[in-house]
């Protein structure tokens, strides 16, 4: 049987991932079947297995790619030569803008952790820790420089990550506040948290 037009691996594979991400974000991982993903892409269900062994692998790949891309993007943006205050400001801006531009990936990455098998969960948790460690490193530098004051660096890191990522739960593009205004408001809150 001839391959359908446009069903090349560099076209169909990304379309499968895009469809799965959208469906997982809309309905939840547990409620989405491989048949539903195939229907969204416009291929037979069996075709999906040429691109992914199973739905768990598809979820894991989406989450891993989100985290590795996030880490790579921050590592390129981080200005390690600057002081801690400037780096924390840059991290705040980076985190909010990066996440607002990828609402589905963020939603799936945070809400579907419970659906990963133990081995995959451990890998994703390690990637999340690596990202948290980058922020904690900035906070510790700021404390050494005498510009930040907080009781516990790990607790402050987790609080800041939760606060910054929480923007995705309420922000809507085209609403009252621009992303830039949101960043400014959150930076004011972050600064007060680490330098009361």
C-alpha atoms as a PDB file:
ATOM      1  CA  UNK A   1       0.000   0.000   0.000  1.00  0.00           C
ATOM      2  CA  UNK A   2       1.351   3.413  -0.942  1.00  0.00           C
ATOM      3  CA  UNK A   3       2.260   5.834   1.816  1.00  0.00           C
ATOM      4  CA  UNK A   4      -0.184   8.731   2.146  1.00  0.00           C
ATOM      5  CA  UNK A   5       0.975  12.092   0.839  1.00  0.00           C
ATOM      6  CA  UNK A   6       2.557  14.040   3.668  1.00  0.00           C
ATOM      7  CA  UNK A   7       2.985  11.013   5.926  1.00  0.00           C
ATOM      8  CA  UNK A   8       6.767  11.322   6.086  1.00  0.00           C
ATOM      9  CA  UNK A   9       8.347  10.850   9.490  1.00  0.00           C
ATOM     10  CA  UNK A  10       9.445  14.492   9.673  1.00  0.00           C
ATOM     11  CA  UNK A  11       5.836  15.585   9.071  1.00  0.00           C
ATOM     12  CA  UNK A  12       3.675  12.906  10.675  1.00  0.00           C
ATOM     13  CA  UNK A  13       5.843  12.486  13.794  1.00  0.00           C
ATOM     14  CA  UNK A  14       5.579  16.170  14.799  1.00  0.00           C
ATOM     15  CA  UNK A  15       1.865  16.183  13.937  1.00  0.00           C
ATOM     16  CA  UNK A  16       1.315  13.218  16.264  1.00  0.00           C
ATOM     17  CA  UNK A  17       3.152  14.992  19.066  1.00  0.00           C
ATOM     18  CA  UNK A  18       1.223  18.233  18.495  1.00  0.00           C
ATOM     19  CA  UNK A  19      -2.106  16.405  18.469  1.00  0.00           C
ATOM     20  CA  UNK A  20      -1.242  14.376  21.580  1.00  0.00           C
ATOM     21  CA  UNK A  21      -0.134  17.494  23.466  1.00  0.00           C
ATOM     22  CA  UNK A  22      -3.329  19.334  22.573  1.00  0.00           C
ATOM     23  CA  UNK A  23      -5.569  16.384  23.490  1.00  0.00           C
ATOM     24  CA  UNK A  24      -3.737  15.644  26.746  1.00  0.00           C
ATOM     25  CA  UNK A  25      -4.041  19.315  27.731  1.00  0.00           C
ATOM     26  CA  UNK A  26      -7.731  19.465  26.807  1.00  0.00           C
ATOM     27  CA  UNK A  27      -9.020  16.125  28.132  1.00  0.00           C
ATOM     28  CA  UNK A  28      -6.266  14.702  30.325  1.00  0.00           C
ATOM     29  CA  UNK A  29      -3.871  11.889  29.533  1.00  0.00           C
ATOM     30  CA  UNK A  30      -6.061   9.114  30.963  1.00  0.00           C
ATOM     31  CA  UNK A  31      -9.089  10.127  28.867  1.00  0.00           C
ATOM     32  CA  UNK A  32      -7.247  10.208  25.522  1.00  0.00           C
ATOM     33  CA  UNK A  33      -6.808   7.050  23.440  1.00  0.00           C
ATOM     34  CA  UNK A  34      -4.249   6.348  20.757  1.00  0.00           C
ATOM     35  CA  UNK A  35      -7.184   5.973  18.354  1.00  0.00           C
ATOM     36  CA  UNK A  36      -8.299   9.518  19.231  1.00  0.00           C
ATOM     37  CA  UNK A  37      -4.788  10.868  18.585  1.00  0.00           C
ATOM     38  CA  UNK A  38      -4.698   9.054  15.230  1.00  0.00           C
ATOM     39  CA  UNK A  39      -8.092  10.486  14.280  1.00  0.00           C
ATOM     40  CA  UNK A  40      -6.872  14.004  15.136  1.00  0.00           C
ATOM     41  CA  UNK A  41      -3.827  13.534  12.885  1.00  0.00           C
ATOM     42  CA  UNK A  42      -5.828  11.850  10.122  1.00  0.00           C
ATOM     43  CA  UNK A  43      -3.998   8.512  10.125  1.00  0.00           C
ATOM     44  CA  UNK A  44      -4.873   4.942  11.057  1.00  0.00           C
ATOM     45  CA  UNK A  45      -4.293   4.040  14.717  1.00  0.00           C
ATOM     46  CA  UNK A  46      -1.670   1.474  13.719  1.00  0.00           C
ATOM     47  CA  UNK A  47       0.372   4.216  12.049  1.00  0.00           C
ATOM     48  CA  UNK A  48       1.060   5.823  15.447  1.00  0.00           C
ATOM     49  CA  UNK A  49       3.137   2.825  16.500  1.00  0.00           C
ATOM     50  CA  UNK A  50       5.660   3.597  13.764  1.00  0.00           C
ATOM     51  CA  UNK A  51       6.438   6.789  15.697  1.00  0.00           C
ATOM     52  CA  UNK A  52       5.966   5.834  19.342  1.00  0.00           C
ATOM     53  CA  UNK A  53       5.799   2.463  21.140  1.00  0.00           C
ATOM     54  CA  UNK A  54       2.819   3.476  23.290  1.00  0.00           C
ATOM     55  CA  UNK A  55       0.917   6.344  24.872  1.00  0.00           C
ATOM     56  CA  UNK A  56       3.175   6.383  27.967  1.00  0.00           C
ATOM     57  CA  UNK A  57       6.235   6.902  25.778  1.00  0.00           C
ATOM     58  CA  UNK A  58       4.459   9.712  23.958  1.00  0.00           C
ATOM     59  CA  UNK A  59       3.644  11.481  27.239  1.00  0.00           C
ATOM     60  CA  UNK A  60       7.183  10.991  28.523  1.00  0.00           C
ATOM     61  CA  UNK A  61       8.735  12.315  25.299  1.00  0.00           C
ATOM     62  CA  UNK A  62       6.552  15.429  25.426  1.00  0.00           C
ATOM     63  CA  UNK A  63       7.490  16.124  29.042  1.00  0.00           C
ATOM     64  CA  UNK A  64      11.187  15.385  28.579  1.00  0.00           C
ATOM     65  CA  UNK A  65      11.392  17.579  25.496  1.00  0.00           C
ATOM     66  CA  UNK A  66       9.655  20.414  27.329  1.00  0.00           C
ATOM     67  CA  UNK A  67      12.115  20.223  30.226  1.00  0.00           C
ATOM     68  CA  UNK A  68      15.277  19.808  28.143  1.00  0.00           C
ATOM     69  CA  UNK A  69      14.247  22.693  25.882  1.00  0.00           C
ATOM     70  CA  UNK A  70      13.478  24.828  28.945  1.00  0.00           C
ATOM     71  CA  UNK A  71      16.871  24.042  30.475  1.00  0.00           C
ATOM     72  CA  UNK A  72      18.695  24.733  27.239  1.00  0.00           C
ATOM     73  CA  UNK A  73      16.871  28.009  26.663  1.00  0.00           C
ATOM     74  CA  UNK A  74      17.658  29.247  30.188  1.00  0.00           C
ATOM     75  CA  UNK A  75      21.299  28.201  29.921  1.00  0.00           C
ATOM     76  CA  UNK A  76      21.577  30.323  26.759  1.00  0.00           C
ATOM     77  CA  UNK A  77      19.782  33.283  28.355  1.00  0.00           C
ATOM     78  CA  UNK A  78      21.524  33.214  31.760  1.00  0.00           C
ATOM     79  CA  UNK A  79      24.017  36.041  32.204  1.00  0.00           C
ATOM     80  CA  UNK A  80      26.342  34.427  34.743  1.00  0.00           C
ATOM     81  CA  UNK A  81      28.676  37.420  34.692  1.00  0.00           C
ATOM     82  CA  UNK A  82      25.988  39.674  36.154  1.00  0.00           C
ATOM     83  CA  UNK A  83      25.084  40.082  39.793  1.00  0.00           C
ATOM     84  CA  UNK A  84      22.475  37.919  41.453  1.00  0.00           C
ATOM     85  CA  UNK A  85      19.778  40.597  41.425  1.00  0.00           C
ATOM     86  CA  UNK A  86      20.076  41.037  37.646  1.00  0.00           C
ATOM     87  CA  UNK A  87      20.130  37.284  37.117  1.00  0.00           C
ATOM     88  CA  UNK A  88      17.032  36.788  39.272  1.00  0.00           C
ATOM     89  CA  UNK A  89      15.243  39.513  37.333  1.00  0.00           C
ATOM     90  CA  UNK A  90      16.261  37.801  34.077  1.00  0.00           C
ATOM     91  CA  UNK A  91      15.106  34.423  35.407  1.00  0.00           C
ATOM     92  CA  UNK A  92      11.718  35.870  36.381  1.00  0.00           C
ATOM     93  CA  UNK A  93      11.218  37.375  32.942  1.00  0.00           C
ATOM     94  CA  UNK A  94      12.472  34.273  31.162  1.00  0.00           C
ATOM     95  CA  UNK A  95      10.317  31.852  33.144  1.00  0.00           C
ATOM     96  CA  UNK A  96       7.084  33.806  32.719  1.00  0.00           C
ATOM     97  CA  UNK A  97       7.473  34.591  29.009  1.00  0.00           C
ATOM     98  CA  UNK A  98       8.708  31.081  28.157  1.00  0.00           C
ATOM     99  CA  UNK A  99       5.779  29.463  29.956  1.00  0.00           C
ATOM    100  CA  UNK A 100       3.124  31.856  28.648  1.00  0.00           C
ATOM    101  CA  UNK A 101       4.192  30.977  25.104  1.00  0.00           C
ATOM    102  CA  UNK A 102       3.685  27.230  25.777  1.00  0.00           C
ATOM    103  CA  UNK A 103       0.512  26.846  27.873  1.00  0.00           C
ATOM    104  CA  UNK A 104      -0.321  23.313  26.727  1.00  0.00           C
ATOM    105  CA  UNK A 105       3.180  21.988  27.335  1.00  0.00           C
ATOM    106  CA  UNK A 106       3.276  23.604  30.777  1.00  0.00           C
ATOM    107  CA  UNK A 107      -0.132  22.229  31.721  1.00  0.00           C
ATOM    108  CA  UNK A 108       0.756  18.687  30.648  1.00  0.00           C
ATOM    109  CA  UNK A 109       4.209  18.851  32.258  1.00  0.00           C
ATOM    110  CA  UNK A 110       2.779  19.781  35.644  1.00  0.00           C
ATOM    111  CA  UNK A 111      -0.621  18.099  35.704  1.00  0.00           C
ATOM    112  CA  UNK A 112       0.254  14.742  34.170  1.00  0.00           C
ATOM    113  CA  UNK A 113       3.274  13.837  36.303  1.00  0.00           C
ATOM    114  CA  UNK A 114       1.038  11.396  38.184  1.00  0.00           C
ATOM    115  CA  UNK A 115       0.520   9.390  34.978  1.00  0.00           C
ATOM    116  CA  UNK A 116       4.202   8.668  34.365  1.00  0.00           C
ATOM    117  CA  UNK A 117       5.489   5.227  35.252  1.00  0.00           C
ATOM    118  CA  UNK A 118       8.103   5.264  38.054  1.00  0.00           C
ATOM    119  CA  UNK A 119      11.152   5.202  35.766  1.00  0.00           C
ATOM    120  CA  UNK A 120       9.897   8.022  33.567  1.00  0.00           C
ATOM    121  CA  UNK A 121       8.782  10.007  36.611  1.00  0.00           C
ATOM    122  CA  UNK A 122      12.284   9.808  38.056  1.00  0.00           C
ATOM    123  CA  UNK A 123      13.835  11.168  34.846  1.00  0.00           C
ATOM    124  CA  UNK A 124      11.391  14.086  34.627  1.00  0.00           C
ATOM    125  CA  UNK A 125      11.808  14.874  38.326  1.00  0.00           C
ATOM    126  CA  UNK A 126      15.581  14.975  37.837  1.00  0.00           C
ATOM    127  CA  UNK A 127      15.184  17.466  34.974  1.00  0.00           C
ATOM    128  CA  UNK A 128      12.873  19.582  37.123  1.00  0.00           C
ATOM    129  CA  UNK A 129      15.430  19.518  39.945  1.00  0.00           C
ATOM    130  CA  UNK A 130      18.121  20.678  37.517  1.00  0.00           C
ATOM    131  CA  UNK A 131      15.974  23.683  36.616  1.00  0.00           C
ATOM    132  CA  UNK A 132      15.212  24.419  40.274  1.00  0.00           C
ATOM    133  CA  UNK A 133      18.926  24.134  41.051  1.00  0.00           C
ATOM    134  CA  UNK A 134      19.675  26.900  38.583  1.00  0.00           C
ATOM    135  CA  UNK A 135      17.304  29.235  40.411  1.00  0.00           C
ATOM    136  CA  UNK A 136      18.577  28.134  43.819  1.00  0.00           C
ATOM    137  CA  UNK A 137      22.112  28.881  42.671  1.00  0.00           C
ATOM    138  CA  UNK A 138      21.084  32.459  41.863  1.00  0.00           C
ATOM    139  CA  UNK A 139      19.437  32.820  45.275  1.00  0.00           C
ATOM    140  CA  UNK A 140      22.499  31.497  47.088  1.00  0.00           C
ATOM    141  CA  UNK A 141      24.719  33.879  45.124  1.00  0.00           C
ATOM    142  CA  UNK A 142      22.480  36.761  46.125  1.00  0.00           C
ATOM    143  CA  UNK A 143      22.691  35.785  49.769  1.00  0.00           C
ATOM    144  CA  UNK A 144      26.495  35.659  49.538  1.00  0.00           C
ATOM    145  CA  UNK A 145      26.478  39.079  47.874  1.00  0.00           C
ATOM    146  CA  UNK A 146      24.277  40.379  50.678  1.00  0.00           C
ATOM    147  CA  UNK A 147      21.437  41.439  48.342  1.00  0.00           C
ATOM    148  CA  UNK A 148      18.983  38.626  49.182  1.00  0.00           C
ATOM    149  CA  UNK A 149      17.605  37.639  52.566  1.00  0.00           C
ATOM    150  CA  UNK A 150      15.444  34.549  53.044  1.00  0.00           C
ATOM    151  CA  UNK A 151      15.247  31.735  55.609  1.00  0.00           C
ATOM    152  CA  UNK A 152      15.790  28.685  53.367  1.00  0.00           C
ATOM    153  CA  UNK A 153      17.082  28.579  49.783  1.00  0.00           C
ATOM    154  CA  UNK A 154      15.278  25.367  48.739  1.00  0.00           C
ATOM    155  CA  UNK A 155      11.947  26.500  50.180  1.00  0.00           C
ATOM    156  CA  UNK A 156      12.310  29.916  48.545  1.00  0.00           C
ATOM    157  CA  UNK A 157      13.185  28.269  45.227  1.00  0.00           C
ATOM    158  CA  UNK A 158      10.084  26.077  45.289  1.00  0.00           C
ATOM    159  CA  UNK A 159       7.873  29.001  46.319  1.00  0.00           C
ATOM    160  CA  UNK A 160       9.192  31.156  43.471  1.00  0.00           C
ATOM    161  CA  UNK A 161       8.799  28.398  40.859  1.00  0.00           C
ATOM    162  CA  UNK A 162       5.215  27.769  41.990  1.00  0.00           C
ATOM    163  CA  UNK A 163       4.408  31.485  41.949  1.00  0.00           C
ATOM    164  CA  UNK A 164       5.914  32.110  38.515  1.00  0.00           C
ATOM    165  CA  UNK A 165       4.414  29.018  36.904  1.00  0.00           C
ATOM    166  CA  UNK A 166       1.036  29.863  38.418  1.00  0.00           C
ATOM    167  CA  UNK A 167       0.711  32.683  35.874  1.00  0.00           C
ATOM    168  CA  UNK A 168      -0.399  30.047  33.369  1.00  0.00           C
ATOM    169  CA  UNK A 169      -3.485  29.229  35.425  1.00  0.00           C
ATOM    170  CA  UNK A 170      -5.034  32.671  34.995  1.00  0.00           C
ATOM    171  CA  UNK A 171      -3.325  34.564  32.177  1.00  0.00           C
ATOM    172  CA  UNK A 172      -5.184  34.896  28.873  1.00  0.00           C
ATOM    173  CA  UNK A 173      -3.613  36.478  25.792  1.00  0.00           C
ATOM    174  CA  UNK A 174      -5.482  39.593  24.760  1.00  0.00           C
ATOM    175  CA  UNK A 175      -6.595  40.285  28.324  1.00  0.00           C
ATOM    176  CA  UNK A 176      -6.122  43.391  30.441  1.00  0.00           C
ATOM    177  CA  UNK A 177      -2.399  42.851  31.087  1.00  0.00           C
ATOM    178  CA  UNK A 178       0.355  42.384  28.525  1.00  0.00           C
ATOM    179  CA  UNK A 179       3.010  39.730  29.203  1.00  0.00           C
ATOM    180  CA  UNK A 180       5.501  42.545  29.847  1.00  0.00           C
ATOM    181  CA  UNK A 181       3.247  44.119  32.480  1.00  0.00           C
ATOM    182  CA  UNK A 182       2.785  40.728  34.134  1.00  0.00           C
ATOM    183  CA  UNK A 183       6.567  40.289  34.245  1.00  0.00           C
ATOM    184  CA  UNK A 184       7.012  43.716  35.859  1.00  0.00           C
ATOM    185  CA  UNK A 185       4.366  43.002  38.503  1.00  0.00           C
ATOM    186  CA  UNK A 186       5.782  39.567  39.296  1.00  0.00           C
ATOM    187  CA  UNK A 187       9.331  40.911  39.492  1.00  0.00           C
ATOM    188  CA  UNK A 188       8.173  43.401  42.127  1.00  0.00           C
ATOM    189  CA  UNK A 189       6.703  40.501  44.137  1.00  0.00           C
ATOM    190  CA  UNK A 190       9.781  38.309  43.664  1.00  0.00           C
ATOM    191  CA  UNK A 191      12.091  41.096  44.769  1.00  0.00           C
ATOM    192  CA  UNK A 192      10.044  41.721  47.918  1.00  0.00           C
ATOM    193  CA  UNK A 193      10.110  38.010  48.708  1.00  0.00           C
ATOM    194  CA  UNK A 194      13.901  37.753  48.602  1.00  0.00           C
ATOM    195  CA  UNK A 195      14.702  41.240  49.906  1.00  0.00           C
ATOM    196  CA  UNK A 196      11.955  42.262  52.342  1.00  0.00           C
END
